Amino acid sequence: MRSLQFACIPAMAVAVFLFSAESSVFCGEKAKKDPDRLTEKDEAALRAVVAKHFIATGYWQPKGSKPNDPASRFRVLSLPNEVGEIYIRKPLETLRSLKKIIEVGAVADAHAAIAYAHAAVGYANEDPVQLICACSYAYYPTAKEFDDKNPVIPKTYRQFAVEHVDRLIADVEKQQTEKAKKQKKE
């Protein structure tokens, strides 16, 4: 199922194709005791979407630019609807689940998970930098190179990805804390 969705980025108009992965039916789901945690159904759905390794891109361009000007168009990663929906409900736990996949998951799963993490944060915050990072991770390094050491810095790309997700988690926690403080003042 394909759907065209528009996301508004300040001073930019975005048109991105979001693709819905097949849904699975999970029987006997029990919610965990912590309400901030992802449910078993959400975790399973997230793992299932990541395991499909769906990587597709679309274009966005700054608002006010000429529609046919190729120099003003940028390629961004399309985020599967399921990942976006889960992220909107529970952003921190979604990022933490994606981090687990990156740390210990199969190489191809980890490769898709880091791209999805950046895309989810980018779309939720209307942040073009995260959208471009997501697209970069989607293409480089390839899944085959994900566990290879970087020739310049003695770390694997998987280790870089874990560090990036840790920074994303810290940023989202900071945003939520600031939002909660702002709501208390009001």
C-alpha atoms as a PDB file:
ATOM      1  CA  MET A   1       0.000   0.000   0.000  1.00  0.00           C
ATOM      2  CA  ARG A   2       1.506   3.328  -1.006  1.00  0.00           C
ATOM      3  CA  SER A   3       0.484   6.683   0.263  1.00  0.00           C
ATOM      4  CA  LEU A   4       1.795  10.135  -0.461  1.00  0.00           C
ATOM      5  CA  GLN A   5       2.248  12.244   2.620  1.00  0.00           C
ATOM      6  CA  PHE A   6       3.438  15.779   2.976  1.00  0.00           C
ATOM      7  CA  ALA A   7       5.586  16.974   5.829  1.00  0.00           C
ATOM      8  CA  CYS A   8       6.171  20.667   6.382  1.00  0.00           C
ATOM      9  CA  ILE A   9       9.676  21.701   7.207  1.00  0.00           C
ATOM     10  CA  PRO A  10      10.107  25.356   8.091  1.00  0.00           C
ATOM     11  CA  ALA A  11      10.778  27.221   4.849  1.00  0.00           C
ATOM     12  CA  MET A  12      10.632  23.951   2.930  1.00  0.00           C
ATOM     13  CA  ALA A  13       7.949  21.790   1.395  1.00  0.00           C
ATOM     14  CA  VAL A  14       8.433  18.058   1.539  1.00  0.00           C
ATOM     15  CA  ALA A  15       6.737  15.381  -0.469  1.00  0.00           C
ATOM     16  CA  VAL A  16       7.848  11.899   0.475  1.00  0.00           C
ATOM     17  CA  PHE A  17       6.441   8.526  -0.380  1.00  0.00           C
ATOM     18  CA  LEU A  18       5.843   6.402   2.688  1.00  0.00           C
ATOM     19  CA  PHE A  19       5.317   2.705   2.189  1.00  0.00           C
ATOM     20  CA  SER A  20       3.345   0.473   4.485  1.00  0.00           C
ATOM     21  CA  ALA A  21       4.881  -2.914   5.190  1.00  0.00           C
ATOM     22  CA  GLU A  22       2.633  -5.936   5.588  1.00  0.00           C
ATOM     23  CA  SER A  23       0.908  -6.108   8.933  1.00  0.00           C
ATOM     24  CA  SER A  24       1.109  -9.183  11.085  1.00  0.00           C
ATOM     25  CA  VAL A  25      -1.371 -10.401  13.650  1.00  0.00           C
ATOM     26  CA  PHE A  26       0.073 -10.997  17.094  1.00  0.00           C
ATOM     27  CA  CYS A  27      -2.008 -13.110  19.461  1.00  0.00           C
ATOM     28  CA  GLY A  28      -1.897 -13.003  23.225  1.00  0.00           C
ATOM     29  CA  GLU A  29      -0.102  -9.683  23.507  1.00  0.00           C
ATOM     30  CA  LYS A  30       0.515  -8.583  27.066  1.00  0.00           C
ATOM     31  CA  ALA A  31       1.423  -4.992  27.809  1.00  0.00           C
ATOM     32  CA  LYS A  32       4.552  -4.619  29.873  1.00  0.00           C
ATOM     33  CA  LYS A  33       4.190  -3.107  33.325  1.00  0.00           C
ATOM     34  CA  ASP A  34       6.041   0.086  32.396  1.00  0.00           C
ATOM     35  CA  PRO A  35       3.646   2.269  30.353  1.00  0.00           C
ATOM     36  CA  ASP A  36       6.572   4.000  28.620  1.00  0.00           C
ATOM     37  CA  ARG A  37       7.851   0.708  27.211  1.00  0.00           C
ATOM     38  CA  LEU A  38       6.859  -0.544  23.799  1.00  0.00           C
ATOM     39  CA  THR A  39       4.274  -3.289  23.824  1.00  0.00           C
ATOM     40  CA  GLU A  40       5.305  -6.728  22.616  1.00  0.00           C
ATOM     41  CA  LYS A  41       3.202  -6.129  19.516  1.00  0.00           C
ATOM     42  CA  ASP A  42       5.013  -2.840  18.748  1.00  0.00           C
ATOM     43  CA  GLU A  43       8.442  -4.380  19.315  1.00  0.00           C
ATOM     44  CA  ALA A  44       7.605  -7.329  17.084  1.00  0.00           C
ATOM     45  CA  ALA A  45       6.197  -5.021  14.412  1.00  0.00           C
ATOM     46  CA  LEU A  46       9.295  -2.824  14.571  1.00  0.00           C
ATOM     47  CA  ARG A  47      11.604  -5.846  14.251  1.00  0.00           C
ATOM     48  CA  ALA A  48       9.512  -7.178  11.355  1.00  0.00           C
ATOM     49  CA  VAL A  49       9.675  -3.903   9.445  1.00  0.00           C
ATOM     50  CA  VAL A  50      13.417  -3.553  10.038  1.00  0.00           C
ATOM     51  CA  ALA A  51      13.963  -7.165   8.938  1.00  0.00           C
ATOM     52  CA  LYS A  52      12.453  -6.362   5.534  1.00  0.00           C
ATOM     53  CA  HIS A  53      15.365  -3.960   4.894  1.00  0.00           C
ATOM     54  CA  PHE A  54      13.058  -1.598   3.020  1.00  0.00           C
ATOM     55  CA  ILE A  55      15.157   1.288   1.737  1.00  0.00           C
ATOM     56  CA  ALA A  56      13.511   3.755  -0.632  1.00  0.00           C
ATOM     57  CA  THR A  57      13.994   7.436  -1.172  1.00  0.00           C
ATOM     58  CA  GLY A  58      12.026  10.437  -2.318  1.00  0.00           C
ATOM     59  CA  TYR A  59      12.804  14.058  -3.025  1.00  0.00           C
ATOM     60  CA  TRP A  60      12.128  17.265  -1.162  1.00  0.00           C
ATOM     61  CA  GLN A  61      13.123  20.756  -2.062  1.00  0.00           C
ATOM     62  CA  PRO A  62      13.110  24.113  -0.312  1.00  0.00           C
ATOM     63  CA  LYS A  63       9.876  26.060  -0.459  1.00  0.00           C
ATOM     64  CA  GLY A  64       9.916  28.784  -3.065  1.00  0.00           C
ATOM     65  CA  SER A  65      12.516  27.127  -5.274  1.00  0.00           C
ATOM     66  CA  LYS A  66      11.794  26.391  -8.892  1.00  0.00           C
ATOM     67  CA  PRO A  67       9.994  23.037  -9.165  1.00  0.00           C
ATOM     68  CA  ASN A  68      12.185  21.733 -11.984  1.00  0.00           C
ATOM     69  CA  ASP A  69      15.511  22.988 -10.638  1.00  0.00           C
ATOM     70  CA  PRO A  70      17.582  19.839  -9.980  1.00  0.00           C
ATOM     71  CA  ALA A  71      20.095  21.797  -7.879  1.00  0.00           C
ATOM     72  CA  SER A  72      17.429  22.547  -5.269  1.00  0.00           C
ATOM     73  CA  ARG A  73      16.191  18.966  -4.825  1.00  0.00           C
ATOM     74  CA  PHE A  74      17.503  16.665  -2.131  1.00  0.00           C
ATOM     75  CA  ARG A  75      17.056  12.951  -1.704  1.00  0.00           C
ATOM     76  CA  VAL A  76      15.660  11.797   1.655  1.00  0.00           C
ATOM     77  CA  LEU A  77      14.821   8.372   3.050  1.00  0.00           C
ATOM     78  CA  SER A  78      11.218   7.206   2.991  1.00  0.00           C
ATOM     79  CA  LEU A  79      10.197   5.911   6.402  1.00  0.00           C
ATOM     80  CA  PRO A  80       7.845   2.921   6.625  1.00  0.00           C
ATOM     81  CA  ASN A  81       4.524   3.998   8.171  1.00  0.00           C
ATOM     82  CA  GLU A  82       4.775   1.450  10.979  1.00  0.00           C
ATOM     83  CA  VAL A  83       8.073   2.863  12.221  1.00  0.00           C
ATOM     84  CA  GLY A  84       6.739   6.418  12.108  1.00  0.00           C
ATOM     85  CA  GLU A  85       3.542   5.511  13.957  1.00  0.00           C
ATOM     86  CA  ILE A  86       5.399   3.671  16.713  1.00  0.00           C
ATOM     87  CA  TYR A  87       7.907   6.530  17.021  1.00  0.00           C
ATOM     88  CA  ILE A  88       5.163   9.126  17.388  1.00  0.00           C
ATOM     89  CA  ARG A  89       3.598   7.160  20.272  1.00  0.00           C
ATOM     90  CA  LYS A  90       6.840   6.333  22.109  1.00  0.00           C
ATOM     91  CA  PRO A  91       9.905   8.027  20.636  1.00  0.00           C
ATOM     92  CA  LEU A  92      12.502   7.084  23.251  1.00  0.00           C
ATOM     93  CA  GLU A  93      11.528   3.432  23.392  1.00  0.00           C
ATOM     94  CA  THR A  94      11.447   3.233  19.616  1.00  0.00           C
ATOM     95  CA  LEU A  95      14.994   4.574  19.439  1.00  0.00           C
ATOM     96  CA  ARG A  96      16.106   2.209  22.205  1.00  0.00           C
ATOM     97  CA  SER A  97      14.631  -0.779  20.355  1.00  0.00           C
ATOM     98  CA  LEU A  98      16.340   0.316  17.146  1.00  0.00           C
ATOM     99  CA  LYS A  99      19.586   0.684  19.118  1.00  0.00           C
ATOM    100  CA  LYS A 100      19.296  -2.923  20.334  1.00  0.00           C
ATOM    101  CA  ILE A 101      18.890  -4.051  16.733  1.00  0.00           C
ATOM    102  CA  ILE A 102      21.964  -2.037  15.746  1.00  0.00           C
ATOM    103  CA  GLU A 103      24.054  -3.422  18.607  1.00  0.00           C
ATOM    104  CA  VAL A 104      23.275  -7.114  18.270  1.00  0.00           C
ATOM    105  CA  GLY A 105      21.117  -7.605  15.195  1.00  0.00           C
ATOM    106  CA  ALA A 106      22.066  -9.022  11.839  1.00  0.00           C
ATOM    107  CA  VAL A 107      24.188  -6.712   9.722  1.00  0.00           C
ATOM    108  CA  ALA A 108      21.409  -5.926   7.249  1.00  0.00           C
ATOM    109  CA  ASP A 109      18.943  -5.295  10.104  1.00  0.00           C
ATOM    110  CA  ALA A 110      21.384  -2.945  11.852  1.00  0.00           C
ATOM    111  CA  HIS A 111      21.988  -1.129   8.581  1.00  0.00           C
ATOM    112  CA  ALA A 112      18.259  -0.488   8.105  1.00  0.00           C
ATOM    113  CA  ALA A 113      17.701   0.363  11.803  1.00  0.00           C
ATOM    114  CA  ILE A 114      20.174   3.267  11.867  1.00  0.00           C
ATOM    115  CA  ALA A 115      18.635   4.753   8.746  1.00  0.00           C
ATOM    116  CA  TYR A 116      15.127   4.406  10.224  1.00  0.00           C
ATOM    117  CA  ALA A 117      16.216   5.984  13.526  1.00  0.00           C
ATOM    118  CA  HIS A 118      17.520   9.102  11.791  1.00  0.00           C
ATOM    119  CA  ALA A 119      14.473   9.298   9.510  1.00  0.00           C
ATOM    120  CA  ALA A 120      12.003   8.941  12.401  1.00  0.00           C
ATOM    121  CA  VAL A 121      13.655  11.776  14.328  1.00  0.00           C
ATOM    122  CA  GLY A 122      13.932  13.868  11.177  1.00  0.00           C
ATOM    123  CA  TYR A 123      10.274  13.575  10.244  1.00  0.00           C
ATOM    124  CA  ALA A 124       9.019  14.037  13.820  1.00  0.00           C
ATOM    125  CA  ASN A 125      11.131  17.163  14.374  1.00  0.00           C
ATOM    126  CA  GLU A 126      10.918  18.389  10.783  1.00  0.00           C
ATOM    127  CA  ASP A 127      14.724  18.316  10.738  1.00  0.00           C
ATOM    128  CA  PRO A 128      16.261  18.152   7.249  1.00  0.00           C
ATOM    129  CA  VAL A 129      19.709  17.304   8.644  1.00  0.00           C
ATOM    130  CA  GLN A 130      18.447  14.044  10.167  1.00  0.00           C
ATOM    131  CA  LEU A 131      16.591  13.231   6.937  1.00  0.00           C
ATOM    132  CA  ILE A 132      19.768  13.644   4.913  1.00  0.00           C
ATOM    133  CA  CYS A 133      21.735  11.582   7.500  1.00  0.00           C
ATOM    134  CA  ALA A 134      19.116   8.831   7.167  1.00  0.00           C
ATOM    135  CA  CYS A 135      19.541   8.780   3.425  1.00  0.00           C
ATOM    136  CA  SER A 136      23.330   8.711   3.795  1.00  0.00           C
ATOM    137  CA  TYR A 137      23.169   5.713   6.130  1.00  0.00           C
ATOM    138  CA  ALA A 138      20.816   3.980   3.709  1.00  0.00           C
ATOM    139  CA  TYR A 139      23.486   3.972   1.018  1.00  0.00           C
ATOM    140  CA  TYR A 140      26.836   4.123   2.804  1.00  0.00           C
ATOM    141  CA  PRO A 141      28.217   2.052   4.291  1.00  0.00           C
ATOM    142  CA  THR A 142      26.513  -0.868   2.637  1.00  0.00           C
ATOM    143  CA  ALA A 143      25.223  -3.689   4.807  1.00  0.00           C
ATOM    144  CA  LYS A 144      28.235  -5.772   3.758  1.00  0.00           C
ATOM    145  CA  GLU A 145      30.599  -3.074   5.065  1.00  0.00           C
ATOM    146  CA  PHE A 146      28.695  -2.359   8.285  1.00  0.00           C
ATOM    147  CA  ASP A 147      30.964  -4.485  10.488  1.00  0.00           C
ATOM    148  CA  ASP A 148      34.165  -3.376   8.737  1.00  0.00           C
ATOM    149  CA  LYS A 149      36.516  -1.002  10.523  1.00  0.00           C
ATOM    150  CA  ASN A 150      36.663   2.538   9.258  1.00  0.00           C
ATOM    151  CA  PRO A 151      40.070   3.071   7.617  1.00  0.00           C
ATOM    152  CA  VAL A 152      40.601   6.431   9.329  1.00  0.00           C
ATOM    153  CA  ILE A 153      39.274   5.788  12.826  1.00  0.00           C
ATOM    154  CA  PRO A 154      39.594   2.293  14.323  1.00  0.00           C
ATOM    155  CA  LYS A 155      35.858   1.716  14.816  1.00  0.00           C
ATOM    156  CA  THR A 156      33.304  -0.271  12.920  1.00  0.00           C
ATOM    157  CA  TYR A 157      30.389   1.459  11.261  1.00  0.00           C
ATOM    158  CA  ARG A 158      28.139  -0.418  13.689  1.00  0.00           C
ATOM    159  CA  GLN A 159      29.954   1.307  16.586  1.00  0.00           C
ATOM    160  CA  PHE A 160      29.477   4.685  14.870  1.00  0.00           C
ATOM    161  CA  ALA A 161      25.783   3.900  14.425  1.00  0.00           C
ATOM    162  CA  VAL A 162      25.367   3.066  18.133  1.00  0.00           C
ATOM    163  CA  GLU A 163      27.028   6.375  19.044  1.00  0.00           C
ATOM    164  CA  HIS A 164      24.719   8.247  16.663  1.00  0.00           C
ATOM    165  CA  VAL A 165      21.620   6.621  18.136  1.00  0.00           C
ATOM    166  CA  ASP A 166      22.867   7.424  21.655  1.00  0.00           C
ATOM    167  CA  ARG A 167      23.061  11.087  20.603  1.00  0.00           C
ATOM    168  CA  LEU A 168      19.584  10.914  19.088  1.00  0.00           C
ATOM    169  CA  ILE A 169      18.238   9.403  22.323  1.00  0.00           C
ATOM    170  CA  ALA A 170      19.913  12.150  24.380  1.00  0.00           C
ATOM    171  CA  ASP A 171      18.453  14.840  22.104  1.00  0.00           C
ATOM    172  CA  VAL A 172      14.941  13.379  22.302  1.00  0.00           C
ATOM    173  CA  GLU A 173      15.189  13.053  26.104  1.00  0.00           C
ATOM    174  CA  LYS A 174      16.275  16.696  26.298  1.00  0.00           C
ATOM    175  CA  GLN A 175      13.378  17.785  24.077  1.00  0.00           C
ATOM    176  CA  GLN A 176      10.879  15.845  26.187  1.00  0.00           C
ATOM    177  CA  THR A 177      12.296  17.284  29.419  1.00  0.00           C
ATOM    178  CA  GLU A 178      12.081  20.832  28.048  1.00  0.00           C
ATOM    179  CA  LYS A 179       8.539  20.182  26.830  1.00  0.00           C
ATOM    180  CA  ALA A 180       7.502  18.854  30.264  1.00  0.00           C
ATOM    181  CA  LYS A 181       9.034  21.909  32.016  1.00  0.00           C
ATOM    182  CA  LYS A 182       7.231  24.216  29.607  1.00  0.00           C
ATOM    183  CA  GLN A 183       3.910  22.469  30.272  1.00  0.00           C
ATOM    184  CA  LYS A 184       4.404  22.739  34.066  1.00  0.00           C
ATOM    185  CA  LYS A 185       4.971  26.492  33.783  1.00  0.00           C
ATOM    186  CA  GLU A 186       1.710  26.902  31.881  1.00  0.00           C
END
